[in-house]
Amino acid sequence: MGIYTIFSYLKNAEAGAAELYSFMAHKISHKYPDVGTFLKNLADEEKLHEKQVEMARNFFLEATDLFFQKEDAESMLVHVLKKTEDTRRYFSENWDLLTPDQIIHMVKDLELEIENKHHSFYIESTDAGIKTLIDSLRGAD
């Protein structure tokens, strides 16, 4: 898998998380307004992360020789995408039965999984400025 594809998968992972949190907020806001607001805020953060990934991808397109991918990048991203989809499926099937604590726990599990994968990140760079951007993405979640 090429680095451009890794960036595309990473962007999709951030977009998927944002979409999931927006969907969850929409479903439960009437029943649990505070949790709905929390989820909407998380969705907004994920949209910001998506923009950061897009910025990094644009840097890559201008200077492909400054980037290299880690060996297990593809499997890490596939795992994150699957975890997001599993969370979406479970929430969709059970949203009306879940308590606020269960919803927060579900989101926390997903965020910890994403954060764990971000800290090992998928792409590195030999350029100091790009390393700073990548480090900001590592700490984004």
Protein backbone atom coordinates (compact mmCIF):
# COMPACT_ATOMS: atom_id res chain seq x y z
CA MET A 1 0.00 0.00 0.00
CA GLY A 2 1.38 3.40 -0.94
CA ILE A 3 1.66 6.39 1.36
CA TYR A 4 -1.03 8.29 -0.56
CA THR A 5 -3.39 5.39 0.10
CA ILE A 6 -2.41 5.39 3.79
CA PHE A 7 -3.34 9.09 3.96
CA SER A 8 -6.65 8.32 2.25
CA TYR A 9 -7.43 5.55 4.73
CA LEU A 10 -6.44 7.77 7.62
CA LYS A 11 -8.65 10.57 6.33
CA ASN A 12 -11.50 8.07 5.98
CA ALA A 13 -10.93 6.88 9.55
CA GLU A 14 -11.20 10.43 10.89
CA ALA A 15 -14.25 11.13 8.72
CA GLY A 16 -15.85 7.86 9.83
CA ALA A 17 -15.37 8.70 13.49
CA ALA A 18 -16.82 12.20 12.94
CA GLU A 19 -19.79 10.74 11.11
CA LEU A 20 -20.34 8.14 13.82
CA TYR A 21 -20.27 10.69 16.63
CA SER A 22 -22.64 13.00 14.72
CA PHE A 23 -25.01 10.09 14.13
CA MET A 24 -24.87 9.10 17.80
CA ALA A 25 -25.47 12.70 18.90
CA HIS A 26 -28.46 12.99 16.60
CA LYS A 27 -30.00 9.77 17.91
CA ILE A 28 -29.66 10.49 21.62
CA SER A 29 -29.70 14.29 21.99
CA HIS A 30 -33.40 14.38 22.83
CA LYS A 31 -33.00 11.73 25.54
CA TYR A 32 -29.55 12.72 26.87
CA PRO A 33 -28.82 16.31 25.80
CA ASP A 34 -25.48 16.56 27.63
CA VAL A 35 -24.18 13.35 26.06
CA GLY A 36 -25.45 14.56 22.68
CA THR A 37 -23.51 17.81 23.06
CA PHE A 38 -20.41 15.88 24.09
CA LEU A 39 -20.69 13.66 21.01
CA LYS A 40 -21.25 16.64 18.72
CA ASN A 41 -18.08 18.23 20.12
CA LEU A 42 -16.18 14.99 19.50
CA ALA A 43 -17.48 14.93 15.93
CA ASP A 44 -16.20 18.47 15.43
CA GLU A 45 -12.76 17.44 16.74
CA GLU A 46 -12.63 14.50 14.36
CA LYS A 47 -13.49 16.82 11.46
CA LEU A 48 -10.52 18.98 12.49
CA HIS A 49 -8.30 15.88 12.55
CA GLU A 50 -9.52 15.04 9.06
CA LYS A 51 -8.41 18.48 7.87
CA GLN A 52 -4.99 17.96 9.49
CA VAL A 53 -4.61 14.67 7.64
CA GLU A 54 -5.57 16.41 4.39
CA MET A 55 -2.89 19.04 5.06
CA ALA A 56 -0.29 16.31 5.66
CA ARG A 57 -1.40 14.52 2.48
CA ASN A 58 -0.97 17.76 0.51
CA PHE A 59 2.57 18.10 1.91
CA PHE A 60 3.22 14.54 0.82
CA LEU A 61 2.09 15.29 -2.74
CA GLU A 62 4.58 18.15 -2.90
CA ALA A 63 7.50 16.25 -1.35
CA THR A 64 6.99 12.50 -1.61
CA ASP A 65 10.64 11.79 -0.79
CA LEU A 66 10.21 13.23 2.72
CA PHE A 67 7.74 10.53 3.83
CA PHE A 68 7.94 6.84 4.54
CA GLN A 69 5.33 4.45 5.89
CA LYS A 70 5.62 1.95 8.70
CA GLU A 71 5.39 -1.73 7.85
CA ASP A 72 2.15 -2.43 9.70
CA ALA A 73 0.33 0.76 8.62
CA GLU A 74 -2.27 -1.03 6.56
CA SER A 75 -3.26 -3.52 9.26
CA MET A 76 -3.48 -0.77 11.90
CA LEU A 77 -5.78 1.32 9.72
CA VAL A 78 -7.95 -1.62 8.77
CA HIS A 79 -8.33 -2.38 12.48
CA VAL A 80 -9.39 1.22 13.26
CA LEU A 81 -11.90 1.25 10.41
CA LYS A 82 -13.34 -2.09 11.53
CA LYS A 83 -13.58 -0.95 15.17
CA THR A 84 -15.43 2.19 14.06
CA GLU A 85 -17.85 0.15 11.94
CA ASP A 86 -18.41 -2.37 14.77
CA THR A 87 -19.16 0.51 17.15
CA ARG A 88 -21.58 2.02 14.64
CA ARG A 89 -23.35 -1.31 14.16
CA TYR A 90 -23.68 -1.96 17.89
CA PHE A 91 -24.92 1.56 18.59
CA SER A 92 -27.41 1.42 15.70
CA GLU A 93 -28.89 -1.81 17.01
CA ASN A 94 -28.97 -0.81 20.70
CA TRP A 95 -29.03 2.98 20.95
CA ASP A 96 -32.44 3.17 22.58
CA LEU A 97 -31.38 0.72 25.32
CA LEU A 98 -28.03 2.29 26.18
CA THR A 99 -27.47 4.41 29.26
CA PRO A 100 -25.30 7.54 29.12
CA ASP A 101 -22.52 5.64 30.93
CA GLN A 102 -22.64 2.85 28.37
CA ILE A 103 -22.51 5.32 25.49
CA ILE A 104 -19.56 7.18 27.02
CA HIS A 105 -17.78 3.88 27.68
CA MET A 106 -18.34 2.80 24.06
CA VAL A 107 -16.94 6.09 22.76
CA LYS A 108 -14.02 5.94 25.19
CA ASP A 109 -13.11 2.44 23.98
CA LEU A 110 -13.13 3.60 20.38
CA GLU A 111 -11.14 6.75 21.12
CA LEU A 112 -8.55 4.79 23.09
CA GLU A 113 -8.20 2.38 20.18
CA ILE A 114 -7.78 5.25 17.73
CA GLU A 115 -5.36 7.02 20.06
CA ASN A 116 -3.31 3.86 20.51
CA LYS A 117 -2.98 3.52 16.75
CA HIS A 118 -2.22 7.25 16.32
CA HIS A 119 0.62 7.09 18.83
CA SER A 120 2.31 4.43 16.76
CA PHE A 121 1.22 6.33 13.65
CA TYR A 122 1.45 5.05 10.12
CA ILE A 123 3.74 7.47 8.36
CA GLU A 124 6.99 9.17 9.28
CA SER A 125 8.99 11.98 7.69
CA THR A 126 12.58 13.06 7.42
CA ASP A 127 11.56 16.77 7.42
CA ALA A 128 11.44 18.58 10.80
CA GLY A 129 8.34 20.65 9.94
CA ILE A 130 6.43 17.62 8.72
CA LYS A 131 7.54 15.67 11.79
CA THR A 132 5.90 18.41 13.88
CA LEU A 133 2.65 18.02 11.93
CA ILE A 134 2.76 14.25 12.34
CA ASP A 135 3.40 14.68 16.07
CA SER A 136 0.33 16.94 16.28
CA LEU A 137 -1.71 14.23 14.59
CA ARG A 138 -0.39 11.69 17.09
CA GLY A 139 -1.67 13.80 19.95
CA ALA A 140 -4.90 14.83 18.24
CA ASP A 141 -7.13 12.21 19.80
